[in-house]
Amino acid sequence: MSNDHPEWFAPKRFGYGAGLPIAWQGWAVLAVYIAVVAAVMALASTRPVVIAAVLIPATVTLIVVAARTTRGGWHWNWGRDRSR
């Protein structure tokens, strides 16, 4: 089956969503997200509004990127067949 979409994340074996990255681009996206979270927590640990203003859009962006680049898309997996 030919797919024009990039595949950066593997689907979860059980449940709904993305698992770990399977390409360097996925690892880069995850590393940038972790760096943003760490920087915001270190620099604005006493400012909850700033933390929310940065982390909410960063988390939404990570979810959208993962959803669009997960092999096979997001759907419920029961753990039986990983080839889908």
PDB file of N, CA and C in Angstrom:
ATOM      1  N   MET A   1       0.839  -1.164   0.000  1.00  0.00           N
ATOM      2  CA  MET A   1       0.000   0.000   0.000  1.00  0.00           C
ATOM      3  C   MET A   1       0.889   1.232   0.000  1.00  0.00           C
ATOM      4  N   SER A   2       0.767   2.084  -0.986  1.00  0.00           N
ATOM      5  CA  SER A   2       1.564   3.290  -1.104  1.00  0.00           C
ATOM      6  C   SER A   2       0.938   4.409  -0.282  1.00  0.00           C
ATOM      7  N   ASN A   3       1.806   5.151   0.404  1.00  0.00           N
ATOM      8  CA  ASN A   3       1.339   6.222   1.262  1.00  0.00           C
ATOM      9  C   ASN A   3       2.209   7.445   1.021  1.00  0.00           C
ATOM     10  N   ASP A   4       1.598   8.588   0.738  1.00  0.00           N
ATOM     11  CA  ASP A   4       2.353   9.806   0.497  1.00  0.00           C
ATOM     12  C   ASP A   4       2.689  10.553   1.775  1.00  0.00           C
ATOM     13  N   HIS A   5       2.141  10.127   2.883  1.00  0.00           N
ATOM     14  CA  HIS A   5       2.369  10.811   4.146  1.00  0.00           C
ATOM     15  C   HIS A   5       3.645  10.286   4.810  1.00  0.00           C
ATOM     16  N   PRO A   6       4.378  11.156   5.510  1.00  0.00           N
ATOM     17  CA  PRO A   6       5.570  10.683   6.219  1.00  0.00           C
ATOM     18  C   PRO A   6       5.173   9.791   7.388  1.00  0.00           C
ATOM     19  N   GLU A   7       6.048   8.879   7.742  1.00  0.00           N
ATOM     20  CA  GLU A   7       5.817   7.993   8.877  1.00  0.00           C
ATOM     21  C   GLU A   7       6.921   8.230   9.888  1.00  0.00           C
ATOM     22  N   TRP A   8       6.625   9.038  10.903  1.00  0.00           N
ATOM     23  CA  TRP A   8       7.605   9.374  11.917  1.00  0.00           C
ATOM     24  C   TRP A   8       7.367   8.644  13.221  1.00  0.00           C
ATOM     25  N   PHE A   9       6.120   8.211  13.465  1.00  0.00           N
ATOM     26  CA  PHE A   9       5.766   7.544  14.713  1.00  0.00           C
ATOM     27  C   PHE A   9       5.113   6.205  14.416  1.00  0.00           C
ATOM     28  N   ALA A  10       5.329   5.245  15.315  1.00  0.00           N
ATOM     29  CA  ALA A  10       4.667   3.949  15.214  1.00  0.00           C
ATOM     30  C   ALA A  10       3.328   4.040  15.944  1.00  0.00           C
ATOM     31  N   PRO A  11       2.336   3.273  15.499  1.00  0.00           N
ATOM     32  CA  PRO A  11       1.073   3.260  16.259  1.00  0.00           C
ATOM     33  C   PRO A  11       1.272   2.513  17.575  1.00  0.00           C
ATOM     34  N   LYS A  12       0.455   2.857  18.565  1.00  0.00           N
ATOM     35  CA  LYS A  12       0.501   2.134  19.823  1.00  0.00           C
ATOM     36  C   LYS A  12       0.037   0.705  19.590  1.00  0.00           C
ATOM     37  N   ARG A  13       0.623  -0.225  20.313  1.00  0.00           N
ATOM     38  CA  ARG A  13       0.215  -1.617  20.150  1.00  0.00           C
ATOM     39  C   ARG A  13      -1.168  -1.860  20.746  1.00  0.00           C
ATOM     40  N   PHE A  14      -1.432  -1.244  21.879  1.00  0.00           N
ATOM     41  CA  PHE A  14      -2.733  -1.337  22.532  1.00  0.00           C
ATOM     42  C   PHE A  14      -3.262   0.069  22.704  1.00  0.00           C
ATOM     43  N   GLY A  15      -4.511   0.291  22.345  1.00  0.00           N
ATOM     44  CA  GLY A  15      -5.126   1.590  22.554  1.00  0.00           C
ATOM     45  C   GLY A  15      -5.103   2.468  21.331  1.00  0.00           C
ATOM     46  N   TYR A  16      -5.249   3.765  21.577  1.00  0.00           N
ATOM     47  CA  TYR A  16      -5.418   4.748  20.518  1.00  0.00           C
ATOM     48  C   TYR A  16      -4.260   5.729  20.559  1.00  0.00           C
ATOM     49  N   GLY A  17      -3.686   6.055  19.413  1.00  0.00           N
ATOM     50  CA  GLY A  17      -2.662   7.085  19.375  1.00  0.00           C
ATOM     51  C   GLY A  17      -1.337   6.598  18.835  1.00  0.00           C
ATOM     52  N   ALA A  18      -0.301   7.404  19.114  1.00  0.00           N
ATOM     53  CA  ALA A  18       1.037   7.141  18.605  1.00  0.00           C
ATOM     54  C   ALA A  18       1.922   6.562  19.701  1.00  0.00           C
ATOM     55  N   GLY A  19       2.845   5.722  19.285  1.00  0.00           N
ATOM     56  CA  GLY A  19       3.851   5.188  20.194  1.00  0.00           C
ATOM     57  C   GLY A  19       5.149   5.960  20.036  1.00  0.00           C
ATOM     58  N   LEU A  20       6.244   5.259  20.127  1.00  0.00           N
ATOM     59  CA  LEU A  20       7.552   5.891  20.012  1.00  0.00           C
ATOM     60  C   LEU A  20       7.861   6.277  18.565  1.00  0.00           C
ATOM     61  N   PRO A  21       8.752   7.244  18.382  1.00  0.00           N
ATOM     62  CA  PRO A  21       9.163   7.623  17.029  1.00  0.00           C
ATOM     63  C   PRO A  21       9.896   6.477  16.330  1.00  0.00           C
ATOM     64  N   ILE A  22       9.757   6.425  15.001  1.00  0.00           N
ATOM     65  CA  ILE A  22      10.447   5.406  14.210  1.00  0.00           C
ATOM     66  C   ILE A  22      11.369   6.036  13.170  1.00  0.00           C
ATOM     67  N   ALA A  23      11.426   7.355  13.130  1.00  0.00           N
ATOM     68  CA  ALA A  23      12.291   8.071  12.191  1.00  0.00           C
ATOM     69  C   ALA A  23      12.983   9.205  12.934  1.00  0.00           C
ATOM     70  N   TRP A  24      14.077   9.677  12.383  1.00  0.00           N
ATOM     71  CA  TRP A  24      14.819  10.743  13.055  1.00  0.00           C
ATOM     72  C   TRP A  24      13.981  12.006  13.210  1.00  0.00           C
ATOM     73  N   GLN A  25      13.061  12.234  12.271  1.00  0.00           N
ATOM     74  CA  GLN A  25      12.210  13.422  12.366  1.00  0.00           C
ATOM     75  C   GLN A  25      11.304  13.343  13.597  1.00  0.00           C
ATOM     76  N   GLY A  26      10.789  12.164  13.868  1.00  0.00           N
ATOM     77  CA  GLY A  26       9.960  11.976  15.051  1.00  0.00           C
ATOM     78  C   GLY A  26      10.750  12.182  16.330  1.00  0.00           C
ATOM     79  N   TRP A  27      11.978  11.655  16.359  1.00  0.00           N
ATOM     80  CA  TRP A  27      12.832  11.870  17.530  1.00  0.00           C
ATOM     81  C   TRP A  27      13.163  13.345  17.692  1.00  0.00           C
ATOM     82  N   ALA A  28      13.366  14.058  16.583  1.00  0.00           N
ATOM     83  CA  ALA A  28      13.658  15.491  16.651  1.00  0.00           C
ATOM     84  C   ALA A  28      12.463  16.266  17.204  1.00  0.00           C
ATOM     85  N   VAL A  29      11.263  15.944  16.739  1.00  0.00           N
ATOM     86  CA  VAL A  29      10.047  16.601  17.241  1.00  0.00           C
ATOM     87  C   VAL A  29       9.899  16.351  18.736  1.00  0.00           C
ATOM     88  N   LEU A  30      10.104  15.116  19.164  1.00  0.00           N
ATOM     89  CA  LEU A  30       9.985  14.779  20.580  1.00  0.00           C
ATOM     90  C   LEU A  30      11.058  15.482  21.409  1.00  0.00           C
ATOM     91  N   ALA A  31      12.289  15.553  20.904  1.00  0.00           N
ATOM     92  CA  ALA A  31      13.376  16.231  21.624  1.00  0.00           C
ATOM     93  C   ALA A  31      13.104  17.723  21.770  1.00  0.00           C
ATOM     94  N   VAL A  32      12.588  18.346  20.718  1.00  0.00           N
ATOM     95  CA  VAL A  32      12.256  19.774  20.795  1.00  0.00           C
ATOM     96  C   VAL A  32      11.147  19.994  21.818  1.00  0.00           C
ATOM     97  N   TYR A  33      10.147  19.145  21.826  1.00  0.00           N
ATOM     98  CA  TYR A  33       9.061  19.269  22.798  1.00  0.00           C
ATOM     99  C   TYR A  33       9.591  19.141  24.226  1.00  0.00           C
ATOM    100  N   ILE A  34      10.434  18.152  24.465  1.00  0.00           N
ATOM    101  CA  ILE A  34      10.995  17.961  25.804  1.00  0.00           C
ATOM    102  C   ILE A  34      11.854  19.162  26.199  1.00  0.00           C
ATOM    103  N   ALA A  35      12.618  19.704  25.252  1.00  0.00           N
ATOM    104  CA  ALA A  35      13.445  20.886  25.538  1.00  0.00           C
ATOM    105  C   ALA A  35      12.574  22.096  25.877  1.00  0.00           C
ATOM    106  N   VAL A  36      11.472  22.276  25.158  1.00  0.00           N
ATOM    107  CA  VAL A  36      10.559  23.389  25.446  1.00  0.00           C
ATOM    108  C   VAL A  36       9.960  23.229  26.843  1.00  0.00           C
ATOM    109  N   VAL A  37       9.528  22.037  27.182  1.00  0.00           N
ATOM    110  CA  VAL A  37       8.954  21.793  28.512  1.00  0.00           C
ATOM    111  C   VAL A  37       9.994  22.073  29.594  1.00  0.00           C
ATOM    112  N   ALA A  38      11.205  21.568  29.419  1.00  0.00           N
ATOM    113  CA  ALA A  38      12.255  21.777  30.422  1.00  0.00           C
ATOM    114  C   ALA A  38      12.605  23.257  30.561  1.00  0.00           C
ATOM    115  N   ALA A  39      12.716  23.964  29.438  1.00  0.00           N
ATOM    116  CA  ALA A  39      13.063  25.387  29.488  1.00  0.00           C
ATOM    117  C   ALA A  39      11.969  26.207  30.166  1.00  0.00           C
ATOM    118  N   VAL A  40      10.726  25.927  29.828  1.00  0.00           N
ATOM    119  CA  VAL A  40       9.627  26.673  30.437  1.00  0.00           C
ATOM    120  C   VAL A  40       9.557  26.400  31.933  1.00  0.00           C
ATOM    121  N   MET A  41       9.740  25.170  32.333  1.00  0.00           N
ATOM    122  CA  MET A  41       9.679  24.849  33.755  1.00  0.00           C
ATOM    123  C   MET A  41      10.851  25.471  34.504  1.00  0.00           C
ATOM    124  N   ALA A  42      12.011  25.562  33.882  1.00  0.00           N
ATOM    125  CA  ALA A  42      13.173  26.158  34.541  1.00  0.00           C
ATOM    126  C   ALA A  42      13.071  27.676  34.609  1.00  0.00           C
ATOM    127  N   LEU A  43      12.568  28.294  33.550  1.00  0.00           N
ATOM    128  CA  LEU A  43      12.560  29.757  33.480  1.00  0.00           C
ATOM    129  C   LEU A  43      11.297  30.397  34.056  1.00  0.00           C
ATOM    130  N   ALA A  44      10.199  29.682  34.052  1.00  0.00           N
ATOM    131  CA  ALA A  44       8.934  30.279  34.483  1.00  0.00           C
ATOM    132  C   ALA A  44       8.228  29.422  35.528  1.00  0.00           C
ATOM    133  N   SER A  45       9.003  28.801  36.407  1.00  0.00           N
ATOM    134  CA  SER A  45       8.403  27.863  37.355  1.00  0.00           C
ATOM    135  C   SER A  45       7.431  28.518  38.332  1.00  0.00           C
ATOM    136  N   THR A  46       7.514  29.827  38.508  1.00  0.00           N
ATOM    137  CA  THR A  46       6.599  30.504  39.436  1.00  0.00           C
ATOM    138  C   THR A  46       5.496  31.272  38.719  1.00  0.00           C
ATOM    139  N   ARG A  47       5.396  31.104  37.407  1.00  0.00           N
ATOM    140  CA  ARG A  47       4.387  31.818  36.621  1.00  0.00           C
ATOM    141  C   ARG A  47       3.486  30.823  35.888  1.00  0.00           C
ATOM    142  N   PRO A  48       2.419  30.389  36.524  1.00  0.00           N
ATOM    143  CA  PRO A  48       1.564  29.365  35.905  1.00  0.00           C
ATOM    144  C   PRO A  48       0.903  29.819  34.606  1.00  0.00           C
ATOM    145  N   VAL A  49       0.623  31.100  34.455  1.00  0.00           N
ATOM    146  CA  VAL A  49      -0.003  31.574  33.217  1.00  0.00           C
ATOM    147  C   VAL A  49       0.969  31.441  32.049  1.00  0.00           C
ATOM    148  N   VAL A  50       2.242  31.765  32.279  1.00  0.00           N
ATOM    149  CA  VAL A  50       3.260  31.630  31.235  1.00  0.00           C
ATOM    150  C   VAL A  50       3.456  30.154  30.874  1.00  0.00           C
ATOM    151  N   ILE A  51       3.497  29.314  31.898  1.00  0.00           N
ATOM    152  CA  ILE A  51       3.650  27.874  31.660  1.00  0.00           C
ATOM    153  C   ILE A  51       2.508  27.359  30.788  1.00  0.00           C
ATOM    154  N   ALA A  52       1.282  27.699  31.145  1.00  0.00           N
ATOM    155  CA  ALA A  52       0.120  27.259  30.363  1.00  0.00           C
ATOM    156  C   ALA A  52       0.138  27.855  28.959  1.00  0.00           C
ATOM    157  N   ALA A  53       0.535  29.123  28.839  1.00  0.00           N
ATOM    158  CA  ALA A  53       0.535  29.794  27.536  1.00  0.00           C
ATOM    159  C   ALA A  53       1.542  29.181  26.575  1.00  0.00           C
ATOM    160  N   VAL A  54       2.584  28.546  27.093  1.00  0.00           N
ATOM    161  CA  VAL A  54       3.580  27.912  26.231  1.00  0.00           C
ATOM    162  C   VAL A  54       3.299  26.424  26.064  1.00  0.00           C
ATOM    163  N   LEU A  55       2.979  25.746  27.156  1.00  0.00           N
ATOM    164  CA  LEU A  55       2.840  24.285  27.095  1.00  0.00           C
ATOM    165  C   LEU A  55       1.574  23.815  26.393  1.00  0.00           C
ATOM    166  N   ILE A  56       0.493  24.546  26.494  1.00  0.00           N
ATOM    167  CA  ILE A  56      -0.736  24.112  25.811  1.00  0.00           C
ATOM    168  C   ILE A  56      -0.552  24.120  24.291  1.00  0.00           C
ATOM    169  N   PRO A  57      -0.068  25.211  23.677  1.00  0.00           N
ATOM    170  CA  PRO A  57       0.153  25.160  22.223  1.00  0.00           C
ATOM    171  C   PRO A  57       1.242  24.151  21.815  1.00  0.00           C
ATOM    172  N   ALA A  58       2.281  24.004  22.642  1.00  0.00           N
ATOM    173  CA  ALA A  58       3.335  23.037  22.320  1.00  0.00           C
ATOM    174  C   ALA A  58       2.793  21.611  22.343  1.00  0.00           C
ATOM    175  N   THR A  59       1.948  21.306  23.319  1.00  0.00           N
ATOM    176  CA  THR A  59       1.370  19.968  23.417  1.00  0.00           C
ATOM    177  C   THR A  59       0.392  19.703  22.278  1.00  0.00           C
ATOM    178  N   VAL A  60      -0.426  20.679  21.953  1.00  0.00           N
ATOM    179  CA  VAL A  60      -1.355  20.529  20.825  1.00  0.00           C
ATOM    180  C   VAL A  60      -0.580  20.311  19.528  1.00  0.00           C
ATOM    181  N   THR A  61       0.504  21.053  19.350  1.00  0.00           N
ATOM    182  CA  THR A  61       1.329  20.884  18.152  1.00  0.00           C
ATOM    183  C   THR A  61       1.928  19.482  18.084  1.00  0.00           C
ATOM    184  N   LEU A  62       2.446  18.987  19.209  1.00  0.00           N
ATOM    185  CA  LEU A  62       2.995  17.630  19.240  1.00  0.00           C
ATOM    186  C   LEU A  62       1.926  16.599  18.891  1.00  0.00           C
ATOM    187  N   ILE A  63       0.734  16.746  19.424  1.00  0.00           N
ATOM    188  CA  ILE A  63      -0.348  15.795  19.149  1.00  0.00           C
ATOM    189  C   ILE A  63      -0.739  15.822  17.679  1.00  0.00           C
ATOM    190  N   VAL A  64      -0.839  17.012  17.099  1.00  0.00           N
ATOM    191  CA  VAL A  64      -1.215  17.122  15.683  1.00  0.00           C
ATOM    192  C   VAL A  64      -0.142  16.506  14.790  1.00  0.00           C
ATOM    193  N   VAL A  65       1.123  16.811  15.067  1.00  0.00           N
ATOM    194  CA  VAL A  65       2.212  16.242  14.264  1.00  0.00           C
ATOM    195  C   VAL A  65       2.231  14.724  14.397  1.00  0.00           C
ATOM    196  N   ALA A  66       2.097  14.216  15.610  1.00  0.00           N
ATOM    197  CA  ALA A  66       2.092  12.765  15.812  1.00  0.00           C
ATOM    198  C   ALA A  66       0.905  12.109  15.121  1.00  0.00           C
ATOM    199  N   ALA A  67      -0.254  12.740  15.189  1.00  0.00           N
ATOM    200  CA  ALA A  67      -1.441  12.165  14.546  1.00  0.00           C
ATOM    201  C   ALA A  67      -1.286  12.114  13.033  1.00  0.00           C
ATOM    202  N   ARG A  68      -0.689  13.128  12.453  1.00  0.00           N
ATOM    203  CA  ARG A  68      -0.548  13.174  10.994  1.00  0.00           C
ATOM    204  C   ARG A  68       0.588  12.310  10.472  1.00  0.00           C
ATOM    205  N   THR A  69       1.540  11.954  11.339  1.00  0.00           N
ATOM    206  CA  THR A  69       2.709  11.215  10.864  1.00  0.00           C
ATOM    207  C   THR A  69       2.829   9.823  11.481  1.00  0.00           C
ATOM    208  N   THR A  70       1.767   9.308  12.073  1.00  0.00           N
ATOM    209  CA  THR A  70       1.779   7.948  12.605  1.00  0.00           C
ATOM    210  C   THR A  70       1.487   6.960  11.491  1.00  0.00           C
ATOM    211  N   ARG A  71       2.296   5.921  11.417  1.00  0.00           N
ATOM    212  CA  ARG A  71       2.116   4.893  10.386  1.00  0.00           C
ATOM    213  C   ARG A  71       0.727   4.282  10.507  1.00  0.00           C
ATOM    214  N   GLY A  72      -0.074   4.401   9.453  1.00  0.00           N
ATOM    215  CA  GLY A  72      -1.419   3.841   9.453  1.00  0.00           C
ATOM    216  C   GLY A  72      -2.465   4.731  10.098  1.00  0.00           C
ATOM    217  N   GLY A  73      -2.068   5.865  10.619  1.00  0.00           N
ATOM    218  CA  GLY A  73      -3.021   6.767  11.261  1.00  0.00           C
ATOM    219  C   GLY A  73      -3.381   6.315  12.661  1.00  0.00           C
ATOM    220  N   TRP A  74      -4.164   7.120  13.319  1.00  0.00           N
ATOM    221  CA  TRP A  74      -4.606   6.792  14.666  1.00  0.00           C
ATOM    222  C   TRP A  74      -5.909   6.017  14.595  1.00  0.00           C
ATOM    223  N   HIS A  75      -5.930   4.865  15.191  1.00  0.00           N
ATOM    224  CA  HIS A  75      -7.139   4.069  15.358  1.00  0.00           C
ATOM    225  C   HIS A  75      -6.911   3.138  16.546  1.00  0.00           C
ATOM    226  N   TRP A  76      -7.961   2.524  17.019  1.00  0.00           N
ATOM    227  CA  TRP A  76      -7.855   1.646  18.167  1.00  0.00           C
ATOM    228  C   TRP A  76      -7.138   0.359  17.781  1.00  0.00           C
ATOM    229  N   ASN A  77      -6.125  -0.022  18.564  1.00  0.00           N
ATOM    230  CA  ASN A  77      -5.393  -1.254  18.344  1.00  0.00           C
ATOM    231  C   ASN A  77      -5.588  -2.185  19.542  1.00  0.00           C
ATOM    232  N   TRP A  78      -5.830  -3.439  19.242  1.00  0.00           N
ATOM    233  CA  TRP A  78      -6.025  -4.439  20.290  1.00  0.00           C
ATOM    234  C   TRP A  78      -4.768  -5.247  20.554  1.00  0.00           C
ATOM    235  N   GLY A  79      -3.682  -4.989  19.826  1.00  0.00           N
ATOM    236  CA  GLY A  79      -2.431  -5.684  20.065  1.00  0.00           C
ATOM    237  C   GLY A  79      -2.257  -6.963  19.281  1.00  0.00           C
ATOM    238  N   ARG A  80      -3.188  -7.304  18.441  1.00  0.00           N
ATOM    239  CA  ARG A  80      -3.104  -8.576  17.711  1.00  0.00           C
ATOM    240  C   ARG A  80      -2.264  -8.460  16.448  1.00  0.00           C
ATOM    241  N   ASP A  81      -2.491  -7.427  15.662  1.00  0.00           N
ATOM    242  CA  ASP A  81      -1.834  -7.316  14.354  1.00  0.00           C
ATOM    243  C   ASP A  81      -1.174  -5.966  14.233  1.00  0.00           C
ATOM    244  N   ARG A  82       0.156  -5.940  14.202  1.00  0.00           N
ATOM    245  CA  ARG A  82       0.888  -4.671  14.109  1.00  0.00           C
ATOM    246  C   ARG A  82       1.139  -4.264  12.662  1.00  0.00           C
ATOM    247  N   SER A  83       0.749  -5.076  11.706  1.00  0.00           N
ATOM    248  CA  SER A  83       1.045  -4.757  10.309  1.00  0.00           C
ATOM    249  C   SER A  83       0.078  -3.729   9.720  1.00  0.00           C
ATOM    250  N   ARG A  84      -1.026  -3.441  10.372  1.00  0.00           N
ATOM    251  CA  ARG A  84      -1.980  -2.462   9.850  1.00  0.00           C
ATOM    252  C   ARG A  84      -1.527  -1.069  10.040  1.00  0.00           C
TER     253      ARG A  84
END
